Amino acid sequence: MSSTRRTLVLIRRGERELGRLPLSRRRLALLGGGLVGVLAVAALAGTLVASSGQSDREIARLRTENEVLRRTNSSFETRLGDLQGRLSESEDRTRKLAIVAGLGNLAPAPEAGVGGGLHGTAPAEAALAALEDRSERLAGDLERVGRRIEDNLRQLSATPSVWPVSGLLSSSFGWRRDPLSGQRAFHSGVDISAPPGRPVQSAATGVVVKTEQYGPLGRSVHVSHGFGRTTVYGHLSRVLVTPGQRVARGETIGLVGNTGRATGFHLHYEVEVDGEPVNPLPFLLSEPGTGT
């Protein structure tokens, strides 16, 4: 069998021949394999270098993300601690308001601490859940306190605490000698002497439930203030309100007179609680004769 032989001639450009290298098939195969190996090694080296660069970039990216997460976690812990502090202050103020409103001391809410850091989802969710529970408890307490304060304000508004007219206390509440008959009789209110025509004011906010023109009290006004409290103003010379009319504390409802069973110009002022007359003086905040 004839064999094909090849020769590799090495010539420098523009110069003489440098040498000849006979190439057999075996030698060509070895040379080709070596070249392929060199190329494979070069490709692998390039791949490893590229992979190393990509790994370095990935590590840098992960480090950056970790630093961002660390800062975010630290900020979250700080904000969570601040929120817990403000919530504790609100709970303390609510307890104080409850005492003022007459509800007594509310039970303190348990606090969820953040000591040691919030690493992981579960601790953060537990801390947030605890804050949500405390917020709901605080909202309920505030609603109770708000209702009680509103009720107290209504009661305060319904309390006949100001003098209906400026004048001189001429007759007190209770048993006395009747000035007309001379008999011992129960006086269901107090008498306040004042000049004729002086304005008479409602002692508290309420609704006019009745006005009268005749009878022992002459022209009179009856005002209901709620909570079972009613005030009566008698011996008026003129009535300036009508039944069903709402009046505010200090609003003029009539003028001083001497109508009905009276011996002179004065106001008969009466306070009823659940339909029974009581002494008006304990309700009044000012001294007799100082007015409203």
C-alpha atoms as a PDB file:
ATOM      1  CA  MET A   1       0.000   0.000   0.000  1.00  0.00           C
ATOM      2  CA  SER A   2       1.390   3.354  -0.968  1.00  0.00           C
ATOM      3  CA  SER A   3       1.712   5.941   1.811  1.00  0.00           C
ATOM      4  CA  THR A   4       1.255   9.647   1.396  1.00  0.00           C
ATOM      5  CA  ARG A   5       3.959  11.733   2.997  1.00  0.00           C
ATOM      6  CA  ARG A   6       3.843  15.465   3.556  1.00  0.00           C
ATOM      7  CA  THR A   7       6.598  17.887   4.378  1.00  0.00           C
ATOM      8  CA  LEU A   8       6.231  21.052   6.436  1.00  0.00           C
ATOM      9  CA  VAL A   9       8.552  23.724   4.992  1.00  0.00           C
ATOM     10  CA  LEU A  10       9.455  26.618   7.322  1.00  0.00           C
ATOM     11  CA  ILE A  11      10.371  29.807   5.406  1.00  0.00           C
ATOM     12  CA  ARG A  12      10.926  33.285   6.889  1.00  0.00           C
ATOM     13  CA  ARG A  13       9.102  35.902   4.879  1.00  0.00           C
ATOM     14  CA  GLY A  14      11.285  37.196   2.098  1.00  0.00           C
ATOM     15  CA  GLU A  15      14.218  35.043   3.147  1.00  0.00           C
ATOM     16  CA  ARG A  16      15.624  31.609   2.592  1.00  0.00           C
ATOM     17  CA  GLU A  17      14.178  28.339   3.711  1.00  0.00           C
ATOM     18  CA  LEU A  18      14.662  27.646   7.424  1.00  0.00           C
ATOM     19  CA  GLY A  19      14.014  23.960   7.407  1.00  0.00           C
ATOM     20  CA  ARG A  20      11.860  21.045   6.456  1.00  0.00           C
ATOM     21  CA  LEU A  21       9.810  18.757   8.716  1.00  0.00           C
ATOM     22  CA  PRO A  22       8.550  15.556   7.162  1.00  0.00           C
ATOM     23  CA  LEU A  23       4.941  14.847   8.329  1.00  0.00           C
ATOM     24  CA  SER A  24       3.584  11.365   8.346  1.00  0.00           C
ATOM     25  CA  ARG A  25      -0.061  10.588   9.103  1.00  0.00           C
ATOM     26  CA  ARG A  26       0.851   9.602  12.614  1.00  0.00           C
ATOM     27  CA  ARG A  27       2.759  12.793  13.157  1.00  0.00           C
ATOM     28  CA  LEU A  28      -0.128  14.839  11.691  1.00  0.00           C
ATOM     29  CA  ALA A  29      -2.566  13.071  13.987  1.00  0.00           C
ATOM     30  CA  LEU A  30      -0.385  13.786  17.006  1.00  0.00           C
ATOM     31  CA  LEU A  31       0.082  17.404  15.978  1.00  0.00           C
ATOM     32  CA  GLY A  32      -3.693  17.838  15.411  1.00  0.00           C
ATOM     33  CA  GLY A  33      -4.488  16.205  18.731  1.00  0.00           C
ATOM     34  CA  GLY A  34      -2.003  18.412  20.503  1.00  0.00           C
ATOM     35  CA  LEU A  35      -3.475  21.491  18.875  1.00  0.00           C
ATOM     36  CA  VAL A  36      -6.971  20.443  19.871  1.00  0.00           C
ATOM     37  CA  GLY A  37      -5.744  19.810  23.419  1.00  0.00           C
ATOM     38  CA  VAL A  38      -4.114  23.233  23.562  1.00  0.00           C
ATOM     39  CA  LEU A  39      -7.277  24.847  22.298  1.00  0.00           C
ATOM     40  CA  ALA A  40      -9.379  22.875  24.784  1.00  0.00           C
ATOM     41  CA  VAL A  41      -7.120  23.888  27.661  1.00  0.00           C
ATOM     42  CA  ALA A  42      -7.263  27.515  26.513  1.00  0.00           C
ATOM     43  CA  ALA A  43     -11.067  27.370  26.272  1.00  0.00           C
ATOM     44  CA  LEU A  44     -11.316  25.757  29.721  1.00  0.00           C
ATOM     45  CA  ALA A  45      -8.975  28.384  31.158  1.00  0.00           C
ATOM     46  CA  GLY A  46     -11.093  31.131  29.587  1.00  0.00           C
ATOM     47  CA  THR A  47     -14.237  29.561  30.984  1.00  0.00           C
ATOM     48  CA  LEU A  48     -12.711  29.289  34.436  1.00  0.00           C
ATOM     49  CA  VAL A  49     -11.536  32.906  34.320  1.00  0.00           C
ATOM     50  CA  ALA A  50     -14.986  34.090  33.180  1.00  0.00           C
ATOM     51  CA  SER A  51     -16.658  31.911  35.816  1.00  0.00           C
ATOM     52  CA  SER A  52     -14.317  33.265  38.477  1.00  0.00           C
ATOM     53  CA  GLY A  53     -15.159  36.822  37.472  1.00  0.00           C
ATOM     54  CA  GLN A  54     -18.879  36.037  37.551  1.00  0.00           C
ATOM     55  CA  SER A  55     -18.516  34.415  40.991  1.00  0.00           C
ATOM     56  CA  ASP A  56     -16.695  37.475  42.282  1.00  0.00           C
ATOM     57  CA  ARG A  57     -19.497  39.684  40.983  1.00  0.00           C
ATOM     58  CA  GLU A  58     -22.127  37.392  42.553  1.00  0.00           C
ATOM     59  CA  ILE A  59     -20.289  37.429  45.867  1.00  0.00           C
ATOM     60  CA  ALA A  60     -20.072  41.216  45.728  1.00  0.00           C
ATOM     61  CA  ARG A  61     -23.788  41.408  44.929  1.00  0.00           C
ATOM     62  CA  LEU A  62     -24.688  39.085  47.811  1.00  0.00           C
ATOM     63  CA  ARG A  63     -22.515  41.095  50.177  1.00  0.00           C
ATOM     64  CA  THR A  64     -24.292  44.279  49.100  1.00  0.00           C
ATOM     65  CA  GLU A  65     -27.707  42.678  49.550  1.00  0.00           C
ATOM     66  CA  ASN A  66     -26.681  41.361  52.969  1.00  0.00           C
ATOM     67  CA  GLU A  67     -25.563  44.826  54.053  1.00  0.00           C
ATOM     68  CA  VAL A  68     -28.851  46.319  52.831  1.00  0.00           C
ATOM     69  CA  LEU A  69     -30.804  43.641  54.714  1.00  0.00           C
ATOM     70  CA  ARG A  70     -28.719  44.237  57.839  1.00  0.00           C
ATOM     71  CA  ARG A  71     -29.420  47.977  57.711  1.00  0.00           C
ATOM     72  CA  THR A  72     -33.104  47.349  56.988  1.00  0.00           C
ATOM     73  CA  ASN A  73     -33.349  44.962  59.937  1.00  0.00           C
ATOM     74  CA  SER A  74     -31.605  47.454  62.220  1.00  0.00           C
ATOM     75  CA  SER A  75     -33.941  50.232  61.049  1.00  0.00           C
ATOM     76  CA  PHE A  76     -36.958  47.972  61.549  1.00  0.00           C
ATOM     77  CA  GLU A  77     -35.888  47.146  65.100  1.00  0.00           C
ATOM     78  CA  THR A  78     -35.356  50.835  65.886  1.00  0.00           C
ATOM     79  CA  ARG A  79     -38.739  51.839  64.462  1.00  0.00           C
ATOM     80  CA  LEU A  80     -40.429  48.933  66.216  1.00  0.00           C
ATOM     81  CA  GLY A  81     -38.879  49.994  69.519  1.00  0.00           C
ATOM     82  CA  ASP A  82     -40.025  53.593  68.990  1.00  0.00           C
ATOM     83  CA  LEU A  83     -43.530  52.386  68.170  1.00  0.00           C
ATOM     84  CA  GLN A  84     -43.621  50.290  71.339  1.00  0.00           C
ATOM     85  CA  GLY A  85     -42.503  53.307  73.362  1.00  0.00           C
ATOM     86  CA  ARG A  86     -45.224  55.557  71.911  1.00  0.00           C
ATOM     87  CA  LEU A  87     -47.801  52.822  72.419  1.00  0.00           C
ATOM     88  CA  SER A  88     -46.766  52.472  76.066  1.00  0.00           C
ATOM     89  CA  GLU A  89     -47.141  56.233  76.555  1.00  0.00           C
ATOM     90  CA  SER A  90     -50.630  56.150  74.997  1.00  0.00           C
ATOM     91  CA  GLU A  91     -51.601  53.224  77.239  1.00  0.00           C
ATOM     92  CA  ASP A  92     -50.378  55.101  80.317  1.00  0.00           C
ATOM     93  CA  ARG A  93     -52.337  58.224  79.375  1.00  0.00           C
ATOM     94  CA  THR A  94     -55.435  56.142  78.696  1.00  0.00           C
ATOM     95  CA  ARG A  95     -55.182  54.563  82.164  1.00  0.00           C
ATOM     96  CA  LYS A  96     -54.942  58.028  83.720  1.00  0.00           C
ATOM     97  CA  LEU A  97     -57.962  59.220  81.722  1.00  0.00           C
ATOM     98  CA  ALA A  98     -59.870  56.134  82.834  1.00  0.00           C
ATOM     99  CA  ILE A  99     -59.214  57.009  86.484  1.00  0.00           C
ATOM    100  CA  VAL A 100     -60.386  60.597  85.913  1.00  0.00           C
ATOM    101  CA  ALA A 101     -63.471  59.321  84.070  1.00  0.00           C
ATOM    102  CA  GLY A 102     -64.358  57.040  86.979  1.00  0.00           C
ATOM    103  CA  LEU A 103     -63.559  53.708  85.311  1.00  0.00           C
ATOM    104  CA  GLY A 104     -60.791  52.792  87.719  1.00  0.00           C
ATOM    105  CA  ASN A 105     -57.288  51.706  86.788  1.00  0.00           C
ATOM    106  CA  LEU A 106     -57.168  49.727  83.547  1.00  0.00           C
ATOM    107  CA  ALA A 107     -55.036  46.600  83.480  1.00  0.00           C
ATOM    108  CA  PRO A 108     -51.619  47.280  81.913  1.00  0.00           C
ATOM    109  CA  ALA A 109     -51.014  45.558  78.603  1.00  0.00           C
ATOM    110  CA  PRO A 110     -48.095  43.124  78.312  1.00  0.00           C
ATOM    111  CA  GLU A 111     -45.192  44.510  76.319  1.00  0.00           C
ATOM    112  CA  ALA A 112     -43.365  42.579  73.597  1.00  0.00           C
ATOM    113  CA  GLY A 113     -39.630  43.318  73.699  1.00  0.00           C
ATOM    114  CA  VAL A 114     -37.250  43.305  70.769  1.00  0.00           C
ATOM    115  CA  GLY A 115     -34.062  42.476  72.685  1.00  0.00           C
ATOM    116  CA  GLY A 116     -31.487  40.389  70.882  1.00  0.00           C
ATOM    117  CA  GLY A 117     -32.524  41.445  67.404  1.00  0.00           C
ATOM    118  CA  LEU A 118     -35.219  40.226  65.083  1.00  0.00           C
ATOM    119  CA  HIS A 119     -33.470  37.575  63.003  1.00  0.00           C
ATOM    120  CA  GLY A 120     -35.837  35.771  60.696  1.00  0.00           C
ATOM    121  CA  THR A 121     -39.449  36.167  59.698  1.00  0.00           C
ATOM    122  CA  ALA A 122     -41.068  34.503  62.711  1.00  0.00           C
ATOM    123  CA  PRO A 123     -39.724  36.867  65.438  1.00  0.00           C
ATOM    124  CA  ALA A 124     -40.680  39.931  63.389  1.00  0.00           C
ATOM    125  CA  GLU A 125     -44.181  38.593  62.778  1.00  0.00           C
ATOM    126  CA  ALA A 126     -44.541  37.745  66.483  1.00  0.00           C
ATOM    127  CA  ALA A 127     -43.504  41.282  67.490  1.00  0.00           C
ATOM    128  CA  LEU A 128     -45.930  42.825  65.004  1.00  0.00           C
ATOM    129  CA  ALA A 129     -48.741  40.521  66.171  1.00  0.00           C
ATOM    130  CA  ALA A 130     -48.109  41.583  69.781  1.00  0.00           C
ATOM    131  CA  LEU A 131     -48.265  45.240  68.778  1.00  0.00           C
ATOM    132  CA  GLU A 132     -51.509  44.632  66.896  1.00  0.00           C
ATOM    133  CA  ASP A 133     -53.025  43.006  69.999  1.00  0.00           C
ATOM    134  CA  ARG A 134     -51.969  45.938  72.172  1.00  0.00           C
ATOM    135  CA  SER A 135     -53.317  48.423  69.614  1.00  0.00           C
ATOM    136  CA  GLU A 136     -56.683  46.657  69.564  1.00  0.00           C
ATOM    137  CA  ARG A 137     -56.775  46.614  73.368  1.00  0.00           C
ATOM    138  CA  LEU A 138     -55.874  50.313  73.464  1.00  0.00           C
ATOM    139  CA  ALA A 139     -58.600  51.139  70.909  1.00  0.00           C
ATOM    140  CA  GLY A 140     -61.171  49.308  73.049  1.00  0.00           C
ATOM    141  CA  ASP A 141     -60.017  51.073  76.223  1.00  0.00           C
ATOM    142  CA  LEU A 142     -60.136  54.459  74.506  1.00  0.00           C
ATOM    143  CA  GLU A 143     -63.666  53.761  73.301  1.00  0.00           C
ATOM    144  CA  ARG A 144     -64.768  52.886  76.844  1.00  0.00           C
ATOM    145  CA  VAL A 145     -63.078  55.964  78.285  1.00  0.00           C
ATOM    146  CA  GLY A 146     -64.555  58.157  75.537  1.00  0.00           C
ATOM    147  CA  ARG A 147     -68.082  56.904  76.223  1.00  0.00           C
ATOM    148  CA  ARG A 148     -67.680  57.459  79.958  1.00  0.00           C
ATOM    149  CA  ILE A 149     -66.293  60.978  79.461  1.00  0.00           C
ATOM    150  CA  GLU A 150     -69.170  61.839  77.106  1.00  0.00           C
ATOM    151  CA  ASP A 151     -71.622  60.502  79.679  1.00  0.00           C
ATOM    152  CA  ASN A 152     -69.901  62.518  82.417  1.00  0.00           C
ATOM    153  CA  LEU A 153     -70.060  65.646  80.273  1.00  0.00           C
ATOM    154  CA  ARG A 154     -73.771  65.101  79.678  1.00  0.00           C
ATOM    155  CA  GLN A 155     -74.301  64.660  83.397  1.00  0.00           C
ATOM    156  CA  LEU A 156     -72.266  67.778  84.106  1.00  0.00           C
ATOM    157  CA  SER A 157     -74.286  69.717  81.552  1.00  0.00           C
ATOM    158  CA  ALA A 158     -77.478  68.368  83.171  1.00  0.00           C
ATOM    159  CA  THR A 159     -76.387  69.356  86.690  1.00  0.00           C
ATOM    160  CA  PRO A 160     -78.105  72.587  87.892  1.00  0.00           C
ATOM    161  CA  SER A 161     -74.889  74.108  89.174  1.00  0.00           C
ATOM    162  CA  VAL A 162     -75.379  77.870  88.647  1.00  0.00           C
ATOM    163  CA  TRP A 163     -77.689  80.312  90.389  1.00  0.00           C
ATOM    164  CA  PRO A 164     -80.730  81.062  88.238  1.00  0.00           C
ATOM    165  CA  VAL A 165     -80.795  84.691  89.312  1.00  0.00           C
ATOM    166  CA  SER A 166     -78.580  87.075  91.223  1.00  0.00           C
ATOM    167  CA  GLY A 167     -80.201  88.050  94.489  1.00  0.00           C
ATOM    168  CA  LEU A 168     -80.554  87.433  98.198  1.00  0.00           C
ATOM    169  CA  LEU A 169     -81.439  84.005  99.590  1.00  0.00           C
ATOM    170  CA  SER A 170     -84.544  84.829 101.598  1.00  0.00           C
ATOM    171  CA  SER A 171     -85.956  81.380 102.399  1.00  0.00           C
ATOM    172  CA  SER A 172     -84.247  77.982 102.535  1.00  0.00           C
ATOM    173  CA  PHE A 173     -85.307  74.442 101.658  1.00  0.00           C
ATOM    174  CA  GLY A 174     -87.256  72.347 104.174  1.00  0.00           C
ATOM    175  CA  TRP A 175     -89.761  72.901 106.953  1.00  0.00           C
ATOM    176  CA  ARG A 176     -90.641  76.484 107.781  1.00  0.00           C
ATOM    177  CA  ARG A 177     -93.511  78.701 108.893  1.00  0.00           C
ATOM    178  CA  ASP A 178     -95.619  79.601 105.868  1.00  0.00           C
ATOM    179  CA  PRO A 179     -95.397  83.412 105.341  1.00  0.00           C
ATOM    180  CA  LEU A 180     -99.100  83.668 104.393  1.00  0.00           C
ATOM    181  CA  SER A 181    -100.864  81.142 106.657  1.00  0.00           C
ATOM    182  CA  GLY A 182     -98.393  81.103 109.527  1.00  0.00           C
ATOM    183  CA  GLN A 183     -98.680  77.308 109.582  1.00  0.00           C
ATOM    184  CA  ARG A 184     -95.703  74.948 109.630  1.00  0.00           C
ATOM    185  CA  ALA A 185     -95.212  73.792 106.028  1.00  0.00           C
ATOM    186  CA  PHE A 186     -92.615  72.106 103.899  1.00  0.00           C
ATOM    187  CA  HIS A 187     -90.834  74.409 101.440  1.00  0.00           C
ATOM    188  CA  SER A 188     -89.805  72.371  98.366  1.00  0.00           C
ATOM    189  CA  GLY A 189     -87.244  74.898  97.086  1.00  0.00           C
ATOM    190  CA  VAL A 190     -85.423  78.095  97.971  1.00  0.00           C
ATOM    191  CA  ASP A 191     -86.566  81.701  97.561  1.00  0.00           C
ATOM    192  CA  ILE A 192     -84.197  84.251  96.020  1.00  0.00           C
ATOM    193  CA  SER A 193     -85.254  87.890  96.427  1.00  0.00           C
ATOM    194  CA  ALA A 194     -84.467  90.029  93.376  1.00  0.00           C
ATOM    195  CA  PRO A 195     -85.771  93.204  91.700  1.00  0.00           C
ATOM    196  CA  PRO A 196     -88.815  92.774  89.427  1.00  0.00           C
ATOM    197  CA  GLY A 197     -87.990  92.068  85.797  1.00  0.00           C
ATOM    198  CA  ARG A 198     -84.502  90.677  86.476  1.00  0.00           C
ATOM    199  CA  PRO A 199     -83.703  87.863  83.995  1.00  0.00           C
ATOM    200  CA  VAL A 200     -84.041  84.297  85.302  1.00  0.00           C
ATOM    201  CA  GLN A 201     -81.673  81.796  83.704  1.00  0.00           C
ATOM    202  CA  SER A 202     -81.808  78.039  83.318  1.00  0.00           C
ATOM    203  CA  ALA A 203     -79.478  76.447  85.854  1.00  0.00           C
ATOM    204  CA  ALA A 204     -78.478  73.695  83.411  1.00  0.00           C
ATOM    205  CA  THR A 205     -78.989  72.528  79.846  1.00  0.00           C
ATOM    206  CA  GLY A 206     -82.340  70.857  79.268  1.00  0.00           C
ATOM    207  CA  VAL A 207     -85.762  70.870  77.657  1.00  0.00           C
ATOM    208  CA  VAL A 208     -88.773  72.879  78.806  1.00  0.00           C
ATOM    209  CA  VAL A 209     -91.393  70.281  79.714  1.00  0.00           C
ATOM    210  CA  LYS A 210     -94.078  72.538  81.134  1.00  0.00           C
ATOM    211  CA  THR A 211     -95.030  76.180  81.688  1.00  0.00           C
ATOM    212  CA  GLU A 212     -97.866  77.383  83.928  1.00  0.00           C
ATOM    213  CA  GLN A 213     -99.715  80.653  84.258  1.00  0.00           C
ATOM    214  CA  TYR A 214    -101.753  79.996  87.398  1.00  0.00           C
ATOM    215  CA  GLY A 215    -101.402  78.081  90.640  1.00  0.00           C
ATOM    216  CA  PRO A 216     -99.391  78.538  93.845  1.00  0.00           C
ATOM    217  CA  LEU A 217     -96.231  79.302  91.815  1.00  0.00           C
ATOM    218  CA  GLY A 218     -98.015  81.672  89.436  1.00  0.00           C
ATOM    219  CA  ARG A 219     -96.191  81.855  86.134  1.00  0.00           C
ATOM    220  CA  SER A 220     -93.584  79.090  86.237  1.00  0.00           C
ATOM    221  CA  VAL A 221     -91.261  77.048  84.046  1.00  0.00           C
ATOM    222  CA  HIS A 222     -90.311  73.367  84.452  1.00  0.00           C
ATOM    223  CA  VAL A 223     -87.084  72.228  82.724  1.00  0.00           C
ATOM    224  CA  SER A 224     -85.998  68.586  82.422  1.00  0.00           C
ATOM    225  CA  HIS A 225     -82.235  68.028  82.308  1.00  0.00           C
ATOM    226  CA  GLY A 226     -82.125  64.266  81.962  1.00  0.00           C
ATOM    227  CA  PHE A 227     -80.747  61.753  84.467  1.00  0.00           C
ATOM    228  CA  GLY A 228     -83.969  62.230  86.470  1.00  0.00           C
ATOM    229  CA  ARG A 229     -83.266  65.919  87.193  1.00  0.00           C
ATOM    230  CA  THR A 230     -85.802  68.721  86.819  1.00  0.00           C
ATOM    231  CA  THR A 231     -85.689  72.372  87.871  1.00  0.00           C
ATOM    232  CA  VAL A 232     -88.677  74.615  88.587  1.00  0.00           C
ATOM    233  CA  TYR A 233     -88.765  78.423  88.426  1.00  0.00           C
ATOM    234  CA  GLY A 234     -91.821  80.097  90.017  1.00  0.00           C
ATOM    235  CA  HIS A 235     -93.502  83.488  90.628  1.00  0.00           C
ATOM    236  CA  LEU A 236     -92.266  84.830  87.271  1.00  0.00           C
ATOM    237  CA  SER A 237     -93.685  88.029  85.871  1.00  0.00           C
ATOM    238  CA  ARG A 238     -93.159  86.755  82.342  1.00  0.00           C
ATOM    239  CA  VAL A 239     -92.383  83.378  80.752  1.00  0.00           C
ATOM    240  CA  LEU A 240     -90.012  83.586  77.751  1.00  0.00           C
ATOM    241  CA  VAL A 241     -89.924  79.915  76.664  1.00  0.00           C
ATOM    242  CA  THR A 242     -92.424  77.336  75.415  1.00  0.00           C
ATOM    243  CA  PRO A 243     -92.820  73.591  76.126  1.00  0.00           C
ATOM    244  CA  GLY A 244     -90.518  71.449  74.002  1.00  0.00           C
ATOM    245  CA  GLN A 245     -87.928  74.200  73.660  1.00  0.00           C
ATOM    246  CA  ARG A 246     -84.323  73.224  74.370  1.00  0.00           C
ATOM    247  CA  VAL A 247     -82.431  75.669  76.567  1.00  0.00           C
ATOM    248  CA  ALA A 248     -78.748  75.968  77.451  1.00  0.00           C
ATOM    249  CA  ARG A 249     -77.258  76.608  80.858  1.00  0.00           C
ATOM    250  CA  GLY A 250     -77.461  80.362  81.486  1.00  0.00           C
ATOM    251  CA  GLU A 251     -80.169  80.989  78.873  1.00  0.00           C
ATOM    252  CA  THR A 252     -82.923  83.396  79.988  1.00  0.00           C
ATOM    253  CA  ILE A 253     -86.264  81.634  80.465  1.00  0.00           C
ATOM    254  CA  GLY A 254     -88.300  84.295  82.284  1.00  0.00           C
ATOM    255  CA  LEU A 255     -88.322  87.436  84.446  1.00  0.00           C
ATOM    256  CA  VAL A 256     -88.552  87.854  88.232  1.00  0.00           C
ATOM    257  CA  GLY A 257     -92.086  88.636  89.471  1.00  0.00           C
ATOM    258  CA  ASN A 258     -94.518  88.009  92.331  1.00  0.00           C
ATOM    259  CA  THR A 259     -97.303  86.018  90.651  1.00  0.00           C
ATOM    260  CA  GLY A 260     -99.091  83.234  92.528  1.00  0.00           C
ATOM    261  CA  ARG A 261     -98.723  82.823  96.294  1.00  0.00           C
ATOM    262  CA  ALA A 262     -96.057  85.407  96.966  1.00  0.00           C
ATOM    263  CA  THR A 263     -95.523  88.230  99.407  1.00  0.00           C
ATOM    264  CA  GLY A 264     -92.958  90.097  97.293  1.00  0.00           C
ATOM    265  CA  PHE A 265     -90.734  89.933  94.225  1.00  0.00           C
ATOM    266  CA  HIS A 266     -88.608  86.831  94.309  1.00  0.00           C
ATOM    267  CA  LEU A 267     -87.857  83.603  92.482  1.00  0.00           C
ATOM    268  CA  HIS A 268     -88.933  80.233  93.846  1.00  0.00           C
ATOM    269  CA  TYR A 269     -86.225  77.828  92.643  1.00  0.00           C
ATOM    270  CA  GLU A 270     -86.676  74.092  92.988  1.00  0.00           C
ATOM    271  CA  VAL A 271     -84.656  70.996  92.069  1.00  0.00           C
ATOM    272  CA  GLU A 272     -86.299  67.584  91.702  1.00  0.00           C
ATOM    273  CA  VAL A 273     -84.463  64.259  91.415  1.00  0.00           C
ATOM    274  CA  ASP A 274     -86.588  61.359  90.190  1.00  0.00           C
ATOM    275  CA  GLY A 275     -89.699  63.427  90.966  1.00  0.00           C
ATOM    276  CA  GLU A 276     -88.745  64.255  94.560  1.00  0.00           C
ATOM    277  CA  PRO A 277     -87.695  67.772  95.646  1.00  0.00           C
ATOM    278  CA  VAL A 278     -84.165  68.063  97.024  1.00  0.00           C
ATOM    279  CA  ASN A 279     -82.156  70.927  98.481  1.00  0.00           C
ATOM    280  CA  PRO A 280     -80.802  72.956  95.502  1.00  0.00           C
ATOM    281  CA  LEU A 281     -77.879  74.467  97.438  1.00  0.00           C
ATOM    282  CA  PRO A 282     -75.491  71.441  97.272  1.00  0.00           C
ATOM    283  CA  PHE A 283     -75.669  71.607  93.473  1.00  0.00           C
ATOM    284  CA  LEU A 284     -74.676  75.261  93.269  1.00  0.00           C
ATOM    285  CA  LEU A 285     -71.028  76.161  92.671  1.00  0.00           C
ATOM    286  CA  SER A 286     -71.149  79.859  93.607  1.00  0.00           C
ATOM    287  CA  GLU A 287     -72.184  81.674  96.752  1.00  0.00           C
ATOM    288  CA  PRO A 288     -75.669  83.226  97.199  1.00  0.00           C
ATOM    289  CA  GLY A 289     -75.983  86.621  95.636  1.00  0.00           C
ATOM    290  CA  THR A 290     -72.993  86.188  93.279  1.00  0.00           C
ATOM    291  CA  GLY A 291     -75.165  85.334  90.298  1.00  0.00           C
ATOM    292  CA  THR A 292     -74.068  83.112  87.424  1.00  0.00           C
END
